[in-house]
Amino acid sequence: QRPPGDGLLKAMEAGTERRIGAGESLDVE
């Protein structure tokens, strides 16, 4: 999904994590 690739906290510091709301779904293929 997004860099960097060294853990969720580093991704959150960089603002590159993804988020999904309560009860929401995401479909991929």
mmCIF file of all heavy atoms, coordinates in Angstrom:
data_MODEL
# 
_entry.id   MODEL 
# 
loop_
_atom_site.group_PDB 
_atom_site.id 
_atom_site.type_symbol 
_atom_site.label_atom_id 
_atom_site.label_alt_id 
_atom_site.label_comp_id 
_atom_site.label_asym_id 
_atom_site.label_entity_id 
_atom_site.label_seq_id 
_atom_site.pdbx_PDB_ins_code 
_atom_site.Cartn_x 
_atom_site.Cartn_y 
_atom_site.Cartn_z 
_atom_site.occupancy 
_atom_site.B_iso_or_equiv 
_atom_site.pdbx_formal_charge 
_atom_site.auth_seq_id 
_atom_site.auth_comp_id 
_atom_site.auth_asym_id 
_atom_site.auth_atom_id 
_atom_site.pdbx_PDB_model_num 
ATOM 1   N N   . GLN A 1 1  ? 0.820   -1.200 0.000   1.00 0.00 ? 1  GLN A N   1 
ATOM 2   C CA  . GLN A 1 1  ? 0.000   0.000  0.000   1.00 0.00 ? 1  GLN A CA  1 
ATOM 3   C C   . GLN A 1 1  ? 0.859   1.256  0.000   1.00 0.00 ? 1  GLN A C   1 
ATOM 4   O O   . GLN A 1 1  ? 0.710   2.108  -0.861  1.00 0.00 ? 1  GLN A O   1 
ATOM 5   C CB  . GLN A 1 1  ? -0.946  0.004  1.192   1.00 0.00 ? 1  GLN A CB  1 
ATOM 6   C CG  . GLN A 1 1  ? -0.235  -0.036 2.551   1.00 0.00 ? 1  GLN A CG  1 
ATOM 7   C CD  . GLN A 1 1  ? -1.182  0.181  3.688   1.00 0.00 ? 1  GLN A CD  1 
ATOM 8   O OE1 . GLN A 1 1  ? -2.118  -0.573 3.824   1.00 0.00 ? 1  GLN A OE1 1 
ATOM 9   N NE2 . GLN A 1 1  ? -0.937  1.183  4.493   1.00 0.00 ? 1  GLN A NE2 1 
ATOM 10  N N   . ARG A 1 2  ? 1.748   1.416  0.955   1.00 0.00 ? 2  ARG A N   1 
ATOM 11  C CA  . ARG A 1 2  ? 2.518   2.658  1.024   1.00 0.00 ? 2  ARG A CA  1 
ATOM 12  C C   . ARG A 1 2  ? 3.837   2.424  1.773   1.00 0.00 ? 2  ARG A C   1 
ATOM 13  O O   . ARG A 1 2  ? 3.897   1.610  2.684   1.00 0.00 ? 2  ARG A O   1 
ATOM 14  C CB  . ARG A 1 2  ? 1.753   3.765  1.752   1.00 0.00 ? 2  ARG A CB  1 
ATOM 15  C CG  . ARG A 1 2  ? 0.474   4.175  1.042   1.00 0.00 ? 2  ARG A CG  1 
ATOM 16  C CD  . ARG A 1 2  ? -0.274  5.252  1.803   1.00 0.00 ? 2  ARG A CD  1 
ATOM 17  N NE  . ARG A 1 2  ? -1.577  5.488  1.203   1.00 0.00 ? 2  ARG A NE  1 
ATOM 18  C CZ  . ARG A 1 2  ? -1.813  6.259  0.163   1.00 0.00 ? 2  ARG A CZ  1 
ATOM 19  N NH1 . ARG A 1 2  ? -0.815  6.892  -0.407  1.00 0.00 ? 2  ARG A NH1 1 
ATOM 20  N NH2 . ARG A 1 2  ? -3.020  6.420  -0.320  1.00 0.00 ? 2  ARG A NH2 1 
ATOM 21  N N   . PRO A 1 3  ? 4.893   3.194  1.441   1.00 0.00 ? 3  PRO A N   1 
ATOM 22  C CA  . PRO A 1 3  ? 6.106   3.158  2.242   1.00 0.00 ? 3  PRO A CA  1 
ATOM 23  C C   . PRO A 1 3  ? 5.927   4.060  3.455   1.00 0.00 ? 3  PRO A C   1 
ATOM 24  O O   . PRO A 1 3  ? 4.993   4.853  3.491   1.00 0.00 ? 3  PRO A O   1 
ATOM 25  C CB  . PRO A 1 3  ? 7.156   3.728  1.281   1.00 0.00 ? 3  PRO A CB  1 
ATOM 26  C CG  . PRO A 1 3  ? 6.375   4.636  0.381   1.00 0.00 ? 3  PRO A CG  1 
ATOM 27  C CD  . PRO A 1 3  ? 5.010   4.034  0.258   1.00 0.00 ? 3  PRO A CD  1 
ATOM 28  N N   . PRO A 1 4  ? 6.843   4.026  4.440   1.00 0.00 ? 4  PRO A N   1 
ATOM 29  C CA  . PRO A 1 4  ? 7.965   3.094  4.510   1.00 0.00 ? 4  PRO A CA  1 
ATOM 30  C C   . PRO A 1 4  ? 7.517   1.716  4.949   1.00 0.00 ? 4  PRO A C   1 
ATOM 31  O O   . PRO A 1 4  ? 6.380   1.541  5.375   1.00 0.00 ? 4  PRO A O   1 
ATOM 32  C CB  . PRO A 1 4  ? 8.873   3.740  5.562   1.00 0.00 ? 4  PRO A CB  1 
ATOM 33  C CG  . PRO A 1 4  ? 7.922   4.460  6.469   1.00 0.00 ? 4  PRO A CG  1 
ATOM 34  C CD  . PRO A 1 4  ? 6.814   4.977  5.589   1.00 0.00 ? 4  PRO A CD  1 
ATOM 35  N N   . GLY A 1 5  ? 8.437   0.748  4.885   1.00 0.00 ? 5  GLY A N   1 
ATOM 36  C CA  . GLY A 1 5  ? 8.083   -0.631 5.174   1.00 0.00 ? 5  GLY A CA  1 
ATOM 37  C C   . GLY A 1 5  ? 8.651   -1.125 6.478   1.00 0.00 ? 5  GLY A C   1 
ATOM 38  O O   . GLY A 1 5  ? 9.005   -2.294 6.581   1.00 0.00 ? 5  GLY A O   1 
ATOM 39  N N   . ASP A 1 6  ? 8.739   -0.273 7.491   1.00 0.00 ? 6  ASP A N   1 
ATOM 40  C CA  . ASP A 1 6  ? 9.333   -0.698 8.758   1.00 0.00 ? 6  ASP A CA  1 
ATOM 41  C C   . ASP A 1 6  ? 8.372   -0.493 9.921   1.00 0.00 ? 6  ASP A C   1 
ATOM 42  O O   . ASP A 1 6  ? 8.741   -0.006 10.977  1.00 0.00 ? 6  ASP A O   1 
ATOM 43  C CB  . ASP A 1 6  ? 10.667  0.006  9.008   1.00 0.00 ? 6  ASP A CB  1 
ATOM 44  C CG  . ASP A 1 6  ? 10.578  1.525  8.870   1.00 0.00 ? 6  ASP A CG  1 
ATOM 45  O OD1 . ASP A 1 6  ? 9.506   2.023  8.474   1.00 0.00 ? 6  ASP A OD1 1 
ATOM 46  O OD2 . ASP A 1 6  ? 11.582  2.192  9.163   1.00 0.00 ? 6  ASP A OD2 1 
ATOM 47  N N   . GLY A 1 7  ? 7.108   -0.859 9.716   1.00 0.00 ? 7  GLY A N   1 
ATOM 48  C CA  . GLY A 1 7  ? 6.162   -0.891 10.812  1.00 0.00 ? 7  GLY A CA  1 
ATOM 49  C C   . GLY A 1 7  ? 5.115   0.201  10.762  1.00 0.00 ? 7  GLY A C   1 
ATOM 50  O O   . GLY A 1 7  ? 5.300   1.268  10.172  1.00 0.00 ? 7  GLY A O   1 
ATOM 51  N N   . LEU A 1 8  ? 3.981   -0.085 11.423  1.00 0.00 ? 8  LEU A N   1 
ATOM 52  C CA  . LEU A 1 8  ? 2.828   0.813  11.390  1.00 0.00 ? 8  LEU A CA  1 
ATOM 53  C C   . LEU A 1 8  ? 3.138   2.188  11.951  1.00 0.00 ? 8  LEU A C   1 
ATOM 54  O O   . LEU A 1 8  ? 2.714   3.212  11.392  1.00 0.00 ? 8  LEU A O   1 
ATOM 55  C CB  . LEU A 1 8  ? 1.667   0.182  12.160  1.00 0.00 ? 8  LEU A CB  1 
ATOM 56  C CG  . LEU A 1 8  ? 0.388   1.009  12.241  1.00 0.00 ? 8  LEU A CG  1 
ATOM 57  C CD1 . LEU A 1 8  ? -0.259  1.146  10.875  1.00 0.00 ? 8  LEU A CD1 1 
ATOM 58  C CD2 . LEU A 1 8  ? -0.602  0.398  13.244  1.00 0.00 ? 8  LEU A CD2 1 
ATOM 59  N N   . LEU A 1 9  ? 3.874   2.258  13.074  1.00 0.00 ? 9  LEU A N   1 
ATOM 60  C CA  . LEU A 1 9  ? 4.132   3.563  13.679  1.00 0.00 ? 9  LEU A CA  1 
ATOM 61  C C   . LEU A 1 9  ? 4.923   4.464  12.745  1.00 0.00 ? 9  LEU A C   1 
ATOM 62  O O   . LEU A 1 9  ? 4.645   5.669  12.644  1.00 0.00 ? 9  LEU A O   1 
ATOM 63  C CB  . LEU A 1 9  ? 4.870   3.400  15.016  1.00 0.00 ? 9  LEU A CB  1 
ATOM 64  C CG  . LEU A 1 9  ? 4.047   2.862  16.184  1.00 0.00 ? 9  LEU A CG  1 
ATOM 65  C CD1 . LEU A 1 9  ? 4.868   2.918  17.470  1.00 0.00 ? 9  LEU A CD1 1 
ATOM 66  C CD2 . LEU A 1 9  ? 2.749   3.628  16.358  1.00 0.00 ? 9  LEU A CD2 1 
ATOM 67  N N   . LYS A 1 10 ? 5.912   3.907  12.044  1.00 0.00 ? 10 LYS A N   1 
ATOM 68  C CA  . LYS A 1 10 ? 6.691   4.718  11.100  1.00 0.00 ? 10 LYS A CA  1 
ATOM 69  C C   . LYS A 1 10 ? 5.802   5.181  9.952   1.00 0.00 ? 10 LYS A C   1 
ATOM 70  O O   . LYS A 1 10 ? 5.937   6.306  9.469   1.00 0.00 ? 10 LYS A O   1 
ATOM 71  C CB  . LYS A 1 10 ? 7.878   3.909  10.570  1.00 0.00 ? 10 LYS A CB  1 
ATOM 72  C CG  . LYS A 1 10 ? 8.933   3.598  11.627  1.00 0.00 ? 10 LYS A CG  1 
ATOM 73  C CD  . LYS A 1 10 ? 9.634   4.862  12.083  1.00 0.00 ? 10 LYS A CD  1 
ATOM 74  C CE  . LYS A 1 10 ? 10.720  4.573  13.105  1.00 0.00 ? 10 LYS A CE  1 
ATOM 75  N NZ  . LYS A 1 10 ? 11.833  3.812  12.558  1.00 0.00 ? 10 LYS A NZ  1 
ATOM 76  N N   . ALA A 1 11 ? 4.902   4.309  9.517   1.00 0.00 ? 11 ALA A N   1 
ATOM 77  C CA  . ALA A 1 11 ? 3.972   4.706  8.461   1.00 0.00 ? 11 ALA A CA  1 
ATOM 78  C C   . ALA A 1 11 ? 3.053   5.830  8.945   1.00 0.00 ? 11 ALA A C   1 
ATOM 79  O O   . ALA A 1 11 ? 2.764   6.774  8.204   1.00 0.00 ? 11 ALA A O   1 
ATOM 80  C CB  . ALA A 1 11 ? 3.154   3.506  8.007   1.00 0.00 ? 11 ALA A CB  1 
ATOM 81  N N   . MET A 1 12 ? 2.606   5.745  10.198  1.00 0.00 ? 12 MET A N   1 
ATOM 82  C CA  . MET A 1 12 ? 1.745   6.782  10.747  1.00 0.00 ? 12 MET A CA  1 
ATOM 83  C C   . MET A 1 12 ? 2.495   8.104  10.896  1.00 0.00 ? 12 MET A C   1 
ATOM 84  O O   . MET A 1 12 ? 1.942   9.182  10.661  1.00 0.00 ? 12 MET A O   1 
ATOM 85  C CB  . MET A 1 12 ? 1.156   6.329  12.078  1.00 0.00 ? 12 MET A CB  1 
ATOM 86  C CG  . MET A 1 12 ? 0.180   5.158  11.929  1.00 0.00 ? 12 MET A CG  1 
ATOM 87  S SD  . MET A 1 12 ? -0.449  4.530  13.506  1.00 0.00 ? 12 MET A SD  1 
ATOM 88  C CE  . MET A 1 12 ? -1.478  5.909  14.024  1.00 0.00 ? 12 MET A CE  1 
ATOM 89  N N   . GLU A 1 13 ? 3.773   8.026  11.277  1.00 0.00 ? 13 GLU A N   1 
ATOM 90  C CA  . GLU A 1 13 ? 4.582   9.244  11.365  1.00 0.00 ? 13 GLU A CA  1 
ATOM 91  C C   . GLU A 1 13 ? 4.711   9.909  10.002  1.00 0.00 ? 13 GLU A C   1 
ATOM 92  O O   . GLU A 1 13 ? 4.731   11.138 9.894   1.00 0.00 ? 13 GLU A O   1 
ATOM 93  C CB  . GLU A 1 13 ? 5.975   8.907  11.917  1.00 0.00 ? 13 GLU A CB  1 
ATOM 94  C CG  . GLU A 1 13 ? 5.978   8.521  13.386  1.00 0.00 ? 13 GLU A CG  1 
ATOM 95  C CD  . GLU A 1 13 ? 7.333   8.017  13.835  1.00 0.00 ? 13 GLU A CD  1 
ATOM 96  O OE1 . GLU A 1 13 ? 8.298   8.084  13.026  1.00 0.00 ? 13 GLU A OE1 1 
ATOM 97  O OE2 . GLU A 1 13 ? 7.446   7.557  14.983  1.00 0.00 ? 13 GLU A OE2 1 
ATOM 98  N N   . ALA A 1 14 ? 4.795   9.079  8.953   1.00 0.00 ? 14 ALA A N   1 
ATOM 99  C CA  . ALA A 1 14 ? 4.920   9.601  7.589   1.00 0.00 ? 14 ALA A CA  1 
ATOM 100 C C   . ALA A 1 14 ? 3.564   9.932  6.969   1.00 0.00 ? 14 ALA A C   1 
ATOM 101 O O   . ALA A 1 14 ? 3.500   10.506 5.876   1.00 0.00 ? 14 ALA A O   1 
ATOM 102 C CB  . ALA A 1 14 ? 5.651   8.589  6.713   1.00 0.00 ? 14 ALA A CB  1 
ATOM 103 N N   . GLY A 1 15 ? 2.475   9.562  7.664   1.00 0.00 ? 15 GLY A N   1 
ATOM 104 C CA  . GLY A 1 15 ? 1.146   9.802  7.130   1.00 0.00 ? 15 GLY A CA  1 
ATOM 105 C C   . GLY A 1 15 ? 0.786   8.902  5.964   1.00 0.00 ? 15 GLY A C   1 
ATOM 106 O O   . GLY A 1 15 ? -0.043  9.270  5.129   1.00 0.00 ? 15 GLY A O   1 
ATOM 107 N N   . THR A 1 16 ? 1.392   7.707  5.898   1.00 0.00 ? 16 THR A N   1 
ATOM 108 C CA  . THR A 1 16 ? 1.171   6.824  4.752   1.00 0.00 ? 16 THR A CA  1 
ATOM 109 C C   . THR A 1 16 ? 0.393   5.558  5.105   1.00 0.00 ? 16 THR A C   1 
ATOM 110 O O   . THR A 1 16 ? 0.276   4.661  4.274   1.00 0.00 ? 16 THR A O   1 
ATOM 111 C CB  . THR A 1 16 ? 2.516   6.429  4.117   1.00 0.00 ? 16 THR A CB  1 
ATOM 112 O OG1 . THR A 1 16 ? 3.323   5.773  5.093   1.00 0.00 ? 16 THR A OG1 1 
ATOM 113 C CG2 . THR A 1 16 ? 3.239   7.651  3.575   1.00 0.00 ? 16 THR A CG2 1 
ATOM 114 N N   . GLU A 1 17 ? -0.102  5.443  6.342   1.00 0.00 ? 17 GLU A N   1 
ATOM 115 C CA  . GLU A 1 17 ? -0.943  4.295  6.669   1.00 0.00 ? 17 GLU A CA  1 
ATOM 116 C C   . GLU A 1 17 ? -2.306  4.447  5.995   1.00 0.00 ? 17 GLU A C   1 
ATOM 117 O O   . GLU A 1 17 ? -2.706  5.542  5.600   1.00 0.00 ? 17 GLU A O   1 
ATOM 118 C CB  . GLU A 1 17 ? -1.114  4.167  8.188   1.00 0.00 ? 17 GLU A CB  1 
ATOM 119 C CG  . GLU A 1 17 ? -2.224  5.016  8.806   1.00 0.00 ? 17 GLU A CG  1 
ATOM 120 C CD  . GLU A 1 17 ? -1.884  6.491  8.967   1.00 0.00 ? 17 GLU A CD  1 
ATOM 121 O OE1 . GLU A 1 17 ? -0.827  6.937  8.476   1.00 0.00 ? 17 GLU A OE1 1 
ATOM 122 O OE2 . GLU A 1 17 ? -2.695  7.207  9.578   1.00 0.00 ? 17 GLU A OE2 1 
ATOM 123 N N   . ARG A 1 18 ? -2.999  3.333  5.853   1.00 0.00 ? 18 ARG A N   1 
ATOM 124 C CA  . ARG A 1 18 ? -4.388  3.378  5.410   1.00 0.00 ? 18 ARG A CA  1 
ATOM 125 C C   . ARG A 1 18 ? -5.303  3.234  6.619   1.00 0.00 ? 18 ARG A C   1 
ATOM 126 O O   . ARG A 1 18 ? -4.887  2.714  7.666   1.00 0.00 ? 18 ARG A O   1 
ATOM 127 C CB  . ARG A 1 18 ? -4.691  2.273  4.392   1.00 0.00 ? 18 ARG A CB  1 
ATOM 128 C CG  . ARG A 1 18 ? -4.035  2.477  3.050   1.00 0.00 ? 18 ARG A CG  1 
ATOM 129 C CD  . ARG A 1 18 ? -4.491  1.426  2.059   1.00 0.00 ? 18 ARG A CD  1 
ATOM 130 N NE  . ARG A 1 18 ? -5.883  1.612  1.685   1.00 0.00 ? 18 ARG A NE  1 
ATOM 131 C CZ  . ARG A 1 18 ? -6.280  2.256  0.581   1.00 0.00 ? 18 ARG A CZ  1 
ATOM 132 N NH1 . ARG A 1 18 ? -5.376  2.783  -0.231  1.00 0.00 ? 18 ARG A NH1 1 
ATOM 133 N NH2 . ARG A 1 18 ? -7.543  2.354  0.289   1.00 0.00 ? 18 ARG A NH2 1 
ATOM 134 N N   . ARG A 1 19 ? -6.560  3.662  6.479   1.00 0.00 ? 19 ARG A N   1 
ATOM 135 C CA  . ARG A 1 19 ? -7.538  3.556  7.559   1.00 0.00 ? 19 ARG A CA  1 
ATOM 136 C C   . ARG A 1 19 ? -8.856  3.056  7.001   1.00 0.00 ? 19 ARG A C   1 
ATOM 137 O O   . ARG A 1 19 ? -9.197  3.326  5.854   1.00 0.00 ? 19 ARG A O   1 
ATOM 138 C CB  . ARG A 1 19 ? -7.723  4.899  8.269   1.00 0.00 ? 19 ARG A CB  1 
ATOM 139 C CG  . ARG A 1 19 ? -6.486  5.338  9.046   1.00 0.00 ? 19 ARG A CG  1 
ATOM 140 C CD  . ARG A 1 19 ? -6.653  6.683  9.734   1.00 0.00 ? 19 ARG A CD  1 
ATOM 141 N NE  . ARG A 1 19 ? -5.494  6.985  10.558  1.00 0.00 ? 19 ARG A NE  1 
ATOM 142 C CZ  . ARG A 1 19 ? -5.368  6.674  11.839  1.00 0.00 ? 19 ARG A CZ  1 
ATOM 143 N NH1 . ARG A 1 19 ? -6.382  6.059  12.460  1.00 0.00 ? 19 ARG A NH1 1 
ATOM 144 N NH2 . ARG A 1 19 ? -4.280  6.972  12.517  1.00 0.00 ? 19 ARG A NH2 1 
ATOM 145 N N   . ILE A 1 20 ? -9.577  2.343  7.859   1.00 0.00 ? 20 ILE A N   1 
ATOM 146 C CA  . ILE A 1 20 ? -10.883 1.830  7.483   1.00 0.00 ? 20 ILE A CA  1 
ATOM 147 C C   . ILE A 1 20 ? -11.840 2.047  8.646   1.00 0.00 ? 20 ILE A C   1 
ATOM 148 O O   . ILE A 1 20 ? -11.494 1.773  9.811   1.00 0.00 ? 20 ILE A O   1 
ATOM 149 C CB  . ILE A 1 20 ? -10.802 0.346  7.068   1.00 0.00 ? 20 ILE A CB  1 
ATOM 150 C CG1 . ILE A 1 20 ? -12.157 -0.151 6.567   1.00 0.00 ? 20 ILE A CG1 1 
ATOM 151 C CG2 . ILE A 1 20 ? -10.268 -0.525 8.192   1.00 0.00 ? 20 ILE A CG2 1 
ATOM 152 C CD1 . ILE A 1 20 ? -12.097 -1.533 5.912   1.00 0.00 ? 20 ILE A CD1 1 
ATOM 153 N N   . GLY A 1 21 ? -13.016 2.595  8.365   1.00 0.00 ? 21 GLY A N   1 
ATOM 154 C CA  . GLY A 1 21 ? -13.975 2.923  9.403   1.00 0.00 ? 21 GLY A CA  1 
ATOM 155 C C   . GLY A 1 21 ? -14.637 1.705  10.014  1.00 0.00 ? 21 GLY A C   1 
ATOM 156 O O   . GLY A 1 21 ? -14.644 0.611  9.446   1.00 0.00 ? 21 GLY A O   1 
ATOM 157 N N   . ALA A 1 22 ? -15.224 1.890  11.196  1.00 0.00 ? 22 ALA A N   1 
ATOM 158 C CA  . ALA A 1 22 ? -15.938 0.811  11.882  1.00 0.00 ? 22 ALA A CA  1 
ATOM 159 C C   . ALA A 1 22 ? -17.051 0.271  10.996  1.00 0.00 ? 22 ALA A C   1 
ATOM 160 O O   . ALA A 1 22 ? -17.843 1.037  10.437  1.00 0.00 ? 22 ALA A O   1 
ATOM 161 C CB  . ALA A 1 22 ? -16.515 1.333  13.196  1.00 0.00 ? 22 ALA A CB  1 
ATOM 162 N N   . GLY A 1 23 ? -17.075 -1.036 10.818  1.00 0.00 ? 23 GLY A N   1 
ATOM 163 C CA  . GLY A 1 23 ? -18.103 -1.681 10.034  1.00 0.00 ? 23 GLY A CA  1 
ATOM 164 C C   . GLY A 1 23 ? -17.906 -1.606 8.535   1.00 0.00 ? 23 GLY A C   1 
ATOM 165 O O   . GLY A 1 23 ? -18.697 -2.186 7.776   1.00 0.00 ? 23 GLY A O   1 
ATOM 166 N N   . GLU A 1 24 ? -16.864 -0.935 8.080   1.00 0.00 ? 24 GLU A N   1 
ATOM 167 C CA  . GLU A 1 24 ? -16.645 -0.791 6.633   1.00 0.00 ? 24 GLU A CA  1 
ATOM 168 C C   . GLU A 1 24 ? -15.879 -1.980 6.056   1.00 0.00 ? 24 GLU A C   1 
ATOM 169 O O   . GLU A 1 24 ? -15.155 -2.684 6.768   1.00 0.00 ? 24 GLU A O   1 
ATOM 170 C CB  . GLU A 1 24 ? -15.884 0.503  6.338   1.00 0.00 ? 24 GLU A CB  1 
ATOM 171 C CG  . GLU A 1 24 ? -16.675 1.757  6.644   1.00 0.00 ? 24 GLU A CG  1 
ATOM 172 C CD  . GLU A 1 24 ? -15.924 3.023  6.280   1.00 0.00 ? 24 GLU A CD  1 
ATOM 173 O OE1 . GLU A 1 24 ? -14.714 2.928  5.943   1.00 0.00 ? 24 GLU A OE1 1 
ATOM 174 O OE2 . GLU A 1 24 ? -16.540 4.099  6.347   1.00 0.00 ? 24 GLU A OE2 1 
ATOM 175 N N   . SER A 1 25 ? -16.037 -2.180 4.747   1.00 0.00 ? 25 SER A N   1 
ATOM 176 C CA  . SER A 1 25 ? -15.335 -3.247 4.032   1.00 0.00 ? 25 SER A CA  1 
ATOM 177 C C   . SER A 1 25 ? -14.634 -2.673 2.811   1.00 0.00 ? 25 SER A C   1 
ATOM 178 O O   . SER A 1 25 ? -15.024 -1.619 2.289   1.00 0.00 ? 25 SER A O   1 
ATOM 179 C CB  . SER A 1 25 ? -16.295 -4.351 3.590   1.00 0.00 ? 25 SER A CB  1 
ATOM 180 O OG  . SER A 1 25 ? -16.876 -5.009 4.689   1.00 0.00 ? 25 SER A OG  1 
ATOM 181 N N   . LEU A 1 26 ? -13.593 -3.355 2.367   1.00 0.00 ? 26 LEU A N   1 
ATOM 182 C CA  . LEU A 1 26 ? -12.849 -2.986 1.166   1.00 0.00 ? 26 LEU A CA  1 
ATOM 183 C C   . LEU A 1 26 ? -12.628 -4.253 0.349   1.00 0.00 ? 26 LEU A C   1 
ATOM 184 O O   . LEU A 1 26 ? -12.138 -5.258 0.876   1.00 0.00 ? 26 LEU A O   1 
ATOM 185 C CB  . LEU A 1 26 ? -11.505 -2.355 1.538   1.00 0.00 ? 26 LEU A CB  1 
ATOM 186 C CG  . LEU A 1 26 ? -10.544 -2.034 0.392   1.00 0.00 ? 26 LEU A CG  1 
ATOM 187 C CD1 . LEU A 1 26 ? -11.148 -0.980 -0.541  1.00 0.00 ? 26 LEU A CD1 1 
ATOM 188 C CD2 . LEU A 1 26 ? -9.197  -1.562 0.933   1.00 0.00 ? 26 LEU A CD2 1 
ATOM 189 N N   . ASP A 1 27 ? -12.987 -4.227 -0.930  1.00 0.00 ? 27 ASP A N   1 
ATOM 190 C CA  . ASP A 1 27 ? -12.813 -5.366 -1.821  1.00 0.00 ? 27 ASP A CA  1 
ATOM 191 C C   . ASP A 1 27 ? -11.660 -5.122 -2.783  1.00 0.00 ? 27 ASP A C   1 
ATOM 192 O O   . ASP A 1 27 ? -11.551 -4.028 -3.357  1.00 0.00 ? 27 ASP A O   1 
ATOM 193 C CB  . ASP A 1 27 ? -14.087 -5.615 -2.630  1.00 0.00 ? 27 ASP A CB  1 
ATOM 194 C CG  . ASP A 1 27 ? -15.248 -6.053 -1.772  1.00 0.00 ? 27 ASP A CG  1 
ATOM 195 O OD1 . ASP A 1 27 ? -15.126 -7.098 -1.116  1.00 0.00 ? 27 ASP A OD1 1 
ATOM 196 O OD2 . ASP A 1 27 ? -16.280 -5.349 -1.746  1.00 0.00 ? 27 ASP A OD2 1 
ATOM 197 N N   . VAL A 1 28 ? -10.801 -6.136 -2.952  1.00 0.00 ? 28 VAL A N   1 
ATOM 198 C CA  . VAL A 1 28 ? -9.694  -6.052 -3.892  1.00 0.00 ? 28 VAL A CA  1 
ATOM 199 C C   . VAL A 1 28 ? -9.618  -7.351 -4.684  1.00 0.00 ? 28 VAL A C   1 
ATOM 200 O O   . VAL A 1 28 ? -10.169 -8.382 -4.275  1.00 0.00 ? 28 VAL A O   1 
ATOM 201 C CB  . VAL A 1 28 ? -8.336  -5.791 -3.188  1.00 0.00 ? 28 VAL A CB  1 
ATOM 202 C CG1 . VAL A 1 28 ? -8.351  -4.478 -2.436  1.00 0.00 ? 28 VAL A CG1 1 
ATOM 203 C CG2 . VAL A 1 28 ? -7.986  -6.933 -2.244  1.00 0.00 ? 28 VAL A CG2 1 
ATOM 204 N N   . GLU A 1 29 ? -8.925  -7.284 -5.815  1.00 0.00 ? 29 GLU A N   1 
ATOM 205 C CA  . GLU A 1 29 ? -8.792  -8.458 -6.679  1.00 0.00 ? 29 GLU A CA  1 
ATOM 206 C C   . GLU A 1 29 ? -7.369  -8.541 -7.210  1.00 0.00 ? 29 GLU A C   1 
ATOM 207 O O   . GLU A 1 29 ? -6.842  -7.567 -7.745  1.00 0.00 ? 29 GLU A O   1 
ATOM 208 C CB  . GLU A 1 29 ? -9.788  -8.375 -7.832  1.00 0.00 ? 29 GLU A CB  1 
ATOM 209 C CG  . GLU A 1 29 ? -9.779  -9.570 -8.763  1.00 0.00 ? 29 GLU A CG  1 
ATOM 210 C CD  . GLU A 1 29 ? -10.898 -9.499 -9.795  1.00 0.00 ? 29 GLU A CD  1 
ATOM 211 O OE1 . GLU A 1 29 ? -12.078 -9.551 -9.397  1.00 0.00 ? 29 GLU A OE1 1 
ATOM 212 O OE2 . GLU A 1 29 ? -10.580 -9.358 -10.995 1.00 0.00 ? 29 GLU A OE2 1 
# 
